[in-house]
PDB file of N, CA and C in Angstrom:
ATOM      1  N   UNK A   1     123.994  61.586  90.373  1.00  0.00           N
ATOM      2  CA  UNK A   1     125.389  61.653  90.037  1.00  0.00           C
ATOM      3  C   UNK A   1     126.151  60.733  90.976  1.00  0.00           C
ATOM      4  N   UNK A   2     127.137  60.103  90.425  1.00  0.00           N
ATOM      5  CA  UNK A   2     128.003  59.233  91.216  1.00  0.00           C
ATOM      6  C   UNK A   2     129.457  59.544  90.898  1.00  0.00           C
ATOM      7  N   UNK A   3     130.349  59.077  91.755  1.00  0.00           N
ATOM      8  CA  UNK A   3     131.777  59.254  91.509  1.00  0.00           C
ATOM      9  C   UNK A   3     132.181  58.551  90.212  1.00  0.00           C
ATOM     10  N   UNK A   4     131.560  57.421  89.933  1.00  0.00           N
ATOM     11  CA  UNK A   4     131.873  56.683  88.708  1.00  0.00           C
ATOM     12  C   UNK A   4     131.499  57.486  87.457  1.00  0.00           C
ATOM     13  N   UNK A   5     130.370  58.180  87.491  1.00  0.00           N
ATOM     14  CA  UNK A   5     129.950  59.015  86.352  1.00  0.00           C
ATOM     15  C   UNK A   5     130.930  60.163  86.141  1.00  0.00           C
ATOM     16  N   UNK A   6     131.419  60.741  87.230  1.00  0.00           N
ATOM     17  CA  UNK A   6     132.399  61.824  87.119  1.00  0.00           C
ATOM     18  C   UNK A   6     133.685  61.291  86.485  1.00  0.00           C
ATOM     19  N   UNK A   7     134.135  60.115  86.927  1.00  0.00           N
ATOM     20  CA  UNK A   7     135.343  59.511  86.345  1.00  0.00           C
ATOM     21  C   UNK A   7     135.157  59.211  84.867  1.00  0.00           C
ATOM     22  N   UNK A   8     133.965  58.763  84.477  1.00  0.00           N
ATOM     23  CA  UNK A   8     133.698  58.507  83.057  1.00  0.00           C
ATOM     24  C   UNK A   8     133.789  59.807  82.253  1.00  0.00           C
ATOM     25  N   UNK A   9     133.271  60.894  82.810  1.00  0.00           N
ATOM     26  CA  UNK A   9     133.344  62.190  82.133  1.00  0.00           C
ATOM     27  C   UNK A   9     134.792  62.660  82.018  1.00  0.00           C
ATOM     28  N   UNK A  10     135.592  62.443  83.067  1.00  0.00           N
ATOM     29  CA  UNK A  10     137.005  62.814  83.038  1.00  0.00           C
ATOM     30  C   UNK A  10     137.729  62.019  81.949  1.00  0.00           C
ATOM     31  N   UNK A  11     137.441  60.726  81.866  1.00  0.00           N
ATOM     32  CA  UNK A  11     138.071  59.890  80.821  1.00  0.00           C
ATOM     33  C   UNK A  11     137.681  60.362  79.421  1.00  0.00           C
ATOM     34  N   UNK A  12     136.500  60.979  79.304  1.00  0.00           N
ATOM     35  CA  UNK A  12     136.044  61.493  78.006  1.00  0.00           C
ATOM     36  C   UNK A  12     136.598  62.893  77.724  1.00  0.00           C
ATOM     37  N   UNK A  13     137.402  63.427  78.655  1.00  0.00           N
ATOM     38  CA  UNK A  13     138.049  64.713  78.429  1.00  0.00           C
ATOM     39  C   UNK A  13     137.391  65.909  79.087  1.00  0.00           C
ATOM     40  N   UNK A  14     136.394  65.689  79.918  1.00  0.00           N
ATOM     41  CA  UNK A  14     135.710  66.795  80.590  1.00  0.00           C
ATOM     42  C   UNK A  14     136.368  67.132  81.919  1.00  0.00           C
ATOM     43  N   UNK A  15     136.242  68.379  82.327  1.00  0.00           N
ATOM     44  CA  UNK A  15     136.686  68.813  83.650  1.00  0.00           C
ATOM     45  C   UNK A  15     135.449  68.864  84.532  1.00  0.00           C
ATOM     46  N   UNK A  16     135.451  68.170  85.668  1.00  0.00           N
ATOM     47  CA  UNK A  16     134.246  68.114  86.492  1.00  0.00           C
ATOM     48  C   UNK A  16     133.974  69.413  87.246  1.00  0.00           C
ATOM     49  N   UNK A  17     132.750  69.851  87.150  1.00  0.00           N
ATOM     50  CA  UNK A  17     132.246  70.984  87.938  1.00  0.00           C
ATOM     51  C   UNK A  17     130.942  70.513  88.571  1.00  0.00           C
ATOM     52  N   UNK A  18     130.937  70.375  89.873  1.00  0.00           N
ATOM     53  CA  UNK A  18     129.787  69.827  90.586  1.00  0.00           C
ATOM     54  C   UNK A  18     129.102  70.951  91.351  1.00  0.00           C
ATOM     55  N   UNK A  19     127.803  71.071  91.151  1.00  0.00           N
ATOM     56  CA  UNK A  19     126.994  72.051  91.870  1.00  0.00           C
ATOM     57  C   UNK A  19     126.020  71.296  92.763  1.00  0.00           C
ATOM     58  N   UNK A  20     126.086  71.558  94.069  1.00  0.00           N
ATOM     59  CA  UNK A  20     125.223  70.884  95.033  1.00  0.00           C
ATOM     60  C   UNK A  20     124.275  71.910  95.630  1.00  0.00           C
ATOM     61  N   UNK A  21     122.999  71.734  95.380  1.00  0.00           N
ATOM     62  CA  UNK A  21     121.985  72.633  95.926  1.00  0.00           C
ATOM     63  C   UNK A  21     121.560  72.126  97.301  1.00  0.00           C
ATOM     64  N   UNK A  22     121.509  73.014  98.264  1.00  0.00           N
ATOM     65  CA  UNK A  22     121.100  72.709  99.637  1.00  0.00           C
ATOM     66  C   UNK A  22     121.943  71.592 100.244  1.00  0.00           C
ATOM     67  N   UNK A  23     123.236  71.839 100.329  1.00  0.00           N
ATOM     68  CA  UNK A  23     124.162  70.843 100.876  1.00  0.00           C
ATOM     69  C   UNK A  23     123.813  70.471 102.314  1.00  0.00           C
ATOM     70  N   UNK A  24     123.138  71.358 103.014  1.00  0.00           N
ATOM     71  CA  UNK A  24     122.764  71.069 104.395  1.00  0.00           C
ATOM     72  C   UNK A  24     121.716  69.961 104.490  1.00  0.00           C
ATOM     73  N   UNK A  25     121.106  69.574 103.371  1.00  0.00           N
ATOM     74  CA  UNK A  25     120.099  68.510 103.375  1.00  0.00           C
ATOM     75  C   UNK A  25     120.726  67.118 103.283  1.00  0.00           C
ATOM     76  N   UNK A  26     122.036  67.034 103.021  1.00  0.00           N
ATOM     77  CA  UNK A  26     122.710  65.731 102.982  1.00  0.00           C
ATOM     78  C   UNK A  26     122.713  65.168 104.396  1.00  0.00           C
ATOM     79  N   UNK A  27     122.238  63.961 104.525  1.00  0.00           N
ATOM     80  CA  UNK A  27     122.171  63.324 105.839  1.00  0.00           C
ATOM     81  C   UNK A  27     123.522  62.675 106.148  1.00  0.00           C
ATOM     82  N   UNK A  28     124.342  63.401 106.894  1.00  0.00           N
ATOM     83  CA  UNK A  28     125.673  62.902 107.194  1.00  0.00           C
ATOM     84  C   UNK A  28     125.642  61.784 108.226  1.00  0.00           C
ATOM     85  N   UNK A  29     124.502  61.602 108.900  1.00  0.00           N
ATOM     86  CA  UNK A  29     124.395  60.485 109.829  1.00  0.00           C
ATOM     87  C   UNK A  29     124.042  59.192 109.095  1.00  0.00           C
ATOM     88  N   UNK A  30     123.748  59.302 107.802  1.00  0.00           N
ATOM     89  CA  UNK A  30     123.542  58.133 106.950  1.00  0.00           C
ATOM     90  C   UNK A  30     124.891  57.800 106.324  1.00  0.00           C
ATOM     91  N   UNK A  31     125.419  56.629 106.634  1.00  0.00           N
ATOM     92  CA  UNK A  31     126.745  56.266 106.128  1.00  0.00           C
ATOM     93  C   UNK A  31     126.786  56.287 104.602  1.00  0.00           C
ATOM     94  N   UNK A  32     125.724  55.819 103.955  1.00  0.00           N
ATOM     95  CA  UNK A  32     125.680  55.793 102.497  1.00  0.00           C
ATOM     96  C   UNK A  32     125.726  57.208 101.919  1.00  0.00           C
ATOM     97  N   UNK A  33     124.876  58.132 102.429  1.00  0.00           N
ATOM     98  CA  UNK A  33     124.853  59.493 101.892  1.00  0.00           C
ATOM     99  C   UNK A  33     126.146  60.225 102.179  1.00  0.00           C
ATOM    100  N   UNK A  34     126.684  60.042 103.364  1.00  0.00           N
ATOM    101  CA  UNK A  34     127.937  60.715 103.708  1.00  0.00           C
ATOM    102  C   UNK A  34     129.077  60.231 102.815  1.00  0.00           C
ATOM    103  N   UNK A  35     129.184  58.910 102.618  1.00  0.00           N
ATOM    104  CA  UNK A  35     130.256  58.358 101.786  1.00  0.00           C
ATOM    105  C   UNK A  35     130.077  58.762 100.326  1.00  0.00           C
ATOM    106  N   UNK A  36     128.846  58.697  99.825  1.00  0.00           N
ATOM    107  CA  UNK A  36     128.589  59.071  98.433  1.00  0.00           C
ATOM    108  C   UNK A  36     128.944  60.531  98.185  1.00  0.00           C
ATOM    109  N   UNK A  37     128.525  61.412  99.082  1.00  0.00           N
ATOM    110  CA  UNK A  37     128.825  62.840  98.945  1.00  0.00           C
ATOM    111  C   UNK A  37     130.328  63.075  98.997  1.00  0.00           C
ATOM    112  N   UNK A  38     130.983  62.436  99.943  1.00  0.00           N
ATOM    113  CA  UNK A  38     132.431  62.576 100.097  1.00  0.00           C
ATOM    114  C   UNK A  38     133.150  62.091  98.842  1.00  0.00           C
ATOM    115  N   UNK A  39     132.736  60.941  98.299  1.00  0.00           N
ATOM    116  CA  UNK A  39     133.365  60.390  97.096  1.00  0.00           C
ATOM    117  C   UNK A  39     133.194  61.319  95.892  1.00  0.00           C
ATOM    118  N   UNK A  40     132.001  61.860  95.712  1.00  0.00           N
ATOM    119  CA  UNK A  40     131.723  62.766  94.589  1.00  0.00           C
ATOM    120  C   UNK A  40     132.618  64.003  94.669  1.00  0.00           C
ATOM    121  N   UNK A  41     132.681  64.606  95.843  1.00  0.00           N
ATOM    122  CA  UNK A  41     133.492  65.811  96.031  1.00  0.00           C
ATOM    123  C   UNK A  41     134.971  65.502  95.819  1.00  0.00           C
ATOM    124  N   UNK A  42     135.448  64.403  96.394  1.00  0.00           N
ATOM    125  CA  UNK A  42     136.865  64.044  96.258  1.00  0.00           C
ATOM    126  C   UNK A  42     137.252  63.761  94.816  1.00  0.00           C
ATOM    127  N   UNK A  43     136.430  63.020  94.088  1.00  0.00           N
ATOM    128  CA  UNK A  43     136.738  62.684  92.694  1.00  0.00           C
ATOM    129  C   UNK A  43     136.771  63.943  91.840  1.00  0.00           C
ATOM    130  N   UNK A  44     135.821  64.837  92.056  1.00  0.00           N
ATOM    131  CA  UNK A  44     135.801  66.082  91.280  1.00  0.00           C
ATOM    132  C   UNK A  44     137.063  66.901  91.539  1.00  0.00           C
ATOM    133  N   UNK A  45     137.405  67.086  92.801  1.00  0.00           N
ATOM    134  CA  UNK A  45     138.569  67.902  93.139  1.00  0.00           C
ATOM    135  C   UNK A  45     139.881  67.231  92.735  1.00  0.00           C
ATOM    136  N   UNK A  46     139.966  65.917  92.864  1.00  0.00           N
ATOM    137  CA  UNK A  46     141.193  65.199  92.519  1.00  0.00           C
ATOM    138  C   UNK A  46     141.474  65.227  91.021  1.00  0.00           C
ATOM    139  N   UNK A  47     140.453  65.524  90.224  1.00  0.00           N
ATOM    140  CA  UNK A  47     140.618  65.553  88.775  1.00  0.00           C
ATOM    141  C   UNK A  47     140.561  66.969  88.222  1.00  0.00           C
ATOM    142  N   UNK A  48     140.974  67.933  89.036  1.00  0.00           N
ATOM    143  CA  UNK A  48     141.086  69.310  88.583  1.00  0.00           C
ATOM    144  C   UNK A  48     139.782  70.070  88.486  1.00  0.00           C
ATOM    145  N   UNK A  49     138.717  69.510  89.055  1.00  0.00           N
ATOM    146  CA  UNK A  49     137.419  70.167  88.997  1.00  0.00           C
ATOM    147  C   UNK A  49     137.160  71.036  90.203  1.00  0.00           C
ATOM    148  N   UNK A  50     135.941  71.518  90.264  1.00  0.00           N
ATOM    149  CA  UNK A  50     135.551  72.346  91.404  1.00  0.00           C
ATOM    150  C   UNK A  50     134.176  71.921  91.880  1.00  0.00           C
ATOM    151  N   UNK A  51     133.883  72.258  93.134  1.00  0.00           N
ATOM    152  CA  UNK A  51     132.590  71.953  93.731  1.00  0.00           C
ATOM    153  C   UNK A  51     132.023  73.248  94.282  1.00  0.00           C
ATOM    154  N   UNK A  52     130.789  73.536  93.916  1.00  0.00           N
ATOM    155  CA  UNK A  52     130.096  74.717  94.401  1.00  0.00           C
ATOM    156  C   UNK A  52     128.808  74.230  95.060  1.00  0.00           C
ATOM    157  N   UNK A  53     128.530  74.713  96.265  1.00  0.00           N
ATOM    158  CA  UNK A  53     127.338  74.263  96.981  1.00  0.00           C
ATOM    159  C   UNK A  53     126.573  75.465  97.510  1.00  0.00           C
ATOM    160  N   UNK A  54     125.263  75.296  97.592  1.00  0.00           N
ATOM    161  CA  UNK A  54     124.426  76.346  98.170  1.00  0.00           C
ATOM    162  C   UNK A  54     123.713  75.794  99.395  1.00  0.00           C
ATOM    163  N   UNK A  55     123.287  76.716 100.252  1.00  0.00           N
ATOM    164  CA  UNK A  55     122.579  76.334 101.464  1.00  0.00           C
ATOM    165  C   UNK A  55     121.747  77.511 101.935  1.00  0.00           C
ATOM    166  N   UNK A  56     120.658  77.221 102.608  1.00  0.00           N
ATOM    167  CA  UNK A  56     119.855  78.269 103.219  1.00  0.00           C
ATOM    168  C   UNK A  56     120.366  78.624 104.608  1.00  0.00           C
ATOM    169  N   UNK A  57     121.332  77.865 105.117  1.00  0.00           N
ATOM    170  CA  UNK A  57     121.886  78.109 106.439  1.00  0.00           C
ATOM    171  C   UNK A  57     122.984  79.162 106.380  1.00  0.00           C
ATOM    172  N   UNK A  58     123.175  79.851 107.474  1.00  0.00           N
ATOM    173  CA  UNK A  58     124.285  80.782 107.603  1.00  0.00           C
ATOM    174  C   UNK A  58     125.578  80.018 107.826  1.00  0.00           C
ATOM    175  N   UNK A  59     126.687  80.724 107.819  1.00  0.00           N
ATOM    176  CA  UNK A  59     128.004  80.093 107.912  1.00  0.00           C
ATOM    177  C   UNK A  59     128.152  79.237 109.175  1.00  0.00           C
ATOM    178  N   UNK A  60     127.807  79.776 110.324  1.00  0.00           N
ATOM    179  CA  UNK A  60     127.973  79.025 111.577  1.00  0.00           C
ATOM    180  C   UNK A  60     127.064  77.807 111.630  1.00  0.00           C
ATOM    181  N   UNK A  61     125.815  77.968 111.203  1.00  0.00           N
ATOM    182  CA  UNK A  61     124.869  76.849 111.214  1.00  0.00           C
ATOM    183  C   UNK A  61     125.286  75.760 110.243  1.00  0.00           C
ATOM    184  N   UNK A  62     125.812  76.160 109.086  1.00  0.00           N
ATOM    185  CA  UNK A  62     126.249  75.183 108.098  1.00  0.00           C
ATOM    186  C   UNK A  62     127.451  74.401 108.618  1.00  0.00           C
ATOM    187  N   UNK A  63     128.406  75.075 109.235  1.00  0.00           N
ATOM    188  CA  UNK A  63     129.564  74.377 109.782  1.00  0.00           C
ATOM    189  C   UNK A  63     129.133  73.398 110.862  1.00  0.00           C
ATOM    190  N   UNK A  64     128.146  73.795 111.674  1.00  0.00           N
ATOM    191  CA  UNK A  64     127.629  72.902 112.715  1.00  0.00           C
ATOM    192  C   UNK A  64     126.927  71.701 112.092  1.00  0.00           C
ATOM    193  N   UNK A  65     126.131  71.925 111.038  1.00  0.00           N
ATOM    194  CA  UNK A  65     125.387  70.847 110.384  1.00  0.00           C
ATOM    195  C   UNK A  65     126.311  69.857 109.696  1.00  0.00           C
ATOM    196  N   UNK A  66     127.383  70.335 109.078  1.00  0.00           N
ATOM    197  CA  UNK A  66     128.285  69.471 108.326  1.00  0.00           C
ATOM    198  C   UNK A  66     129.388  68.863 109.177  1.00  0.00           C
ATOM    199  N   UNK A  67     129.593  69.422 110.343  1.00  0.00           N
ATOM    200  CA  UNK A  67     130.634  68.911 111.226  1.00  0.00           C
ATOM    201  C   UNK A  67     131.969  69.582 110.966  1.00  0.00           C
ATOM    202  N   UNK A  68     132.879  69.473 111.913  1.00  0.00           N
ATOM    203  CA  UNK A  68     134.160  70.178 111.815  1.00  0.00           C
ATOM    204  C   UNK A  68     135.043  69.706 110.667  1.00  0.00           C
ATOM    205  N   UNK A  69     134.955  68.425 110.299  1.00  0.00           N
ATOM    206  CA  UNK A  69     135.823  67.913 109.229  1.00  0.00           C
ATOM    207  C   UNK A  69     135.471  68.551 107.890  1.00  0.00           C
ATOM    208  N   UNK A  70     134.183  68.704 107.597  1.00  0.00           N
ATOM    209  CA  UNK A  70     133.750  69.288 106.334  1.00  0.00           C
ATOM    210  C   UNK A  70     133.593  70.794 106.463  1.00  0.00           C
ATOM    211  N   UNK A  71     132.948  71.228 107.522  1.00  0.00           N
ATOM    212  CA  UNK A  71     132.651  72.643 107.700  1.00  0.00           C
ATOM    213  C   UNK A  71     133.872  73.542 107.722  1.00  0.00           C
ATOM    214  N   UNK A  72     134.972  73.038 108.247  1.00  0.00           N
ATOM    215  CA  UNK A  72     136.180  73.837 108.326  1.00  0.00           C
ATOM    216  C   UNK A  72     136.834  74.126 106.998  1.00  0.00           C
ATOM    217  N   UNK A  73     136.508  73.359 105.968  1.00  0.00           N
ATOM    218  CA  UNK A  73     137.137  73.543 104.661  1.00  0.00           C
ATOM    219  C   UNK A  73     136.297  74.370 103.705  1.00  0.00           C
ATOM    220  N   UNK A  74     135.179  74.916 104.184  1.00  0.00           N
ATOM    221  CA  UNK A  74     134.282  75.675 103.323  1.00  0.00           C
ATOM    222  C   UNK A  74     134.716  77.130 103.189  1.00  0.00           C
ATOM    223  N   UNK A  75     134.490  77.691 102.012  1.00  0.00           N
ATOM    224  CA  UNK A  75     134.669  79.120 101.783  1.00  0.00           C
ATOM    225  C   UNK A  75     133.270  79.709 101.610  1.00  0.00           C
ATOM    226  N   UNK A  76     132.998  80.804 102.287  1.00  0.00           N
ATOM    227  CA  UNK A  76     131.663  81.375 102.273  1.00  0.00           C
ATOM    228  C   UNK A  76     131.611  82.651 101.473  1.00  0.00           C
ATOM    229  N   UNK A  77     130.609  82.755 100.611  1.00  0.00           N
ATOM    230  CA  UNK A  77     130.314  83.968  99.852  1.00  0.00           C
ATOM    231  C   UNK A  77     128.844  84.287 100.077  1.00  0.00           C
ATOM    232  N   UNK A  78     128.566  85.325 100.855  1.00  0.00           N
ATOM    233  CA  UNK A  78     127.156  85.640 101.152  1.00  0.00           C
ATOM    234  C   UNK A  78     126.403  86.107  99.933  1.00  0.00           C
TER     235      UNK A  78
END
């Protein structure tokens, strides 16, 4: 999935709903993966969609893995 594919779906009349399995596996130290993930999430949310992610990590570990910029905006449902 790419941000461009989400925009194409929006232009076709769809509301984006993105599900990310094991978000803690995204390598945020890789500039490409971090930017791609950020773009996908931003495009979905900016077009009235939602993003749902799962992780095997607990809340504190996930916030540490994703960093304060991303981790602080997460809502947790155990």
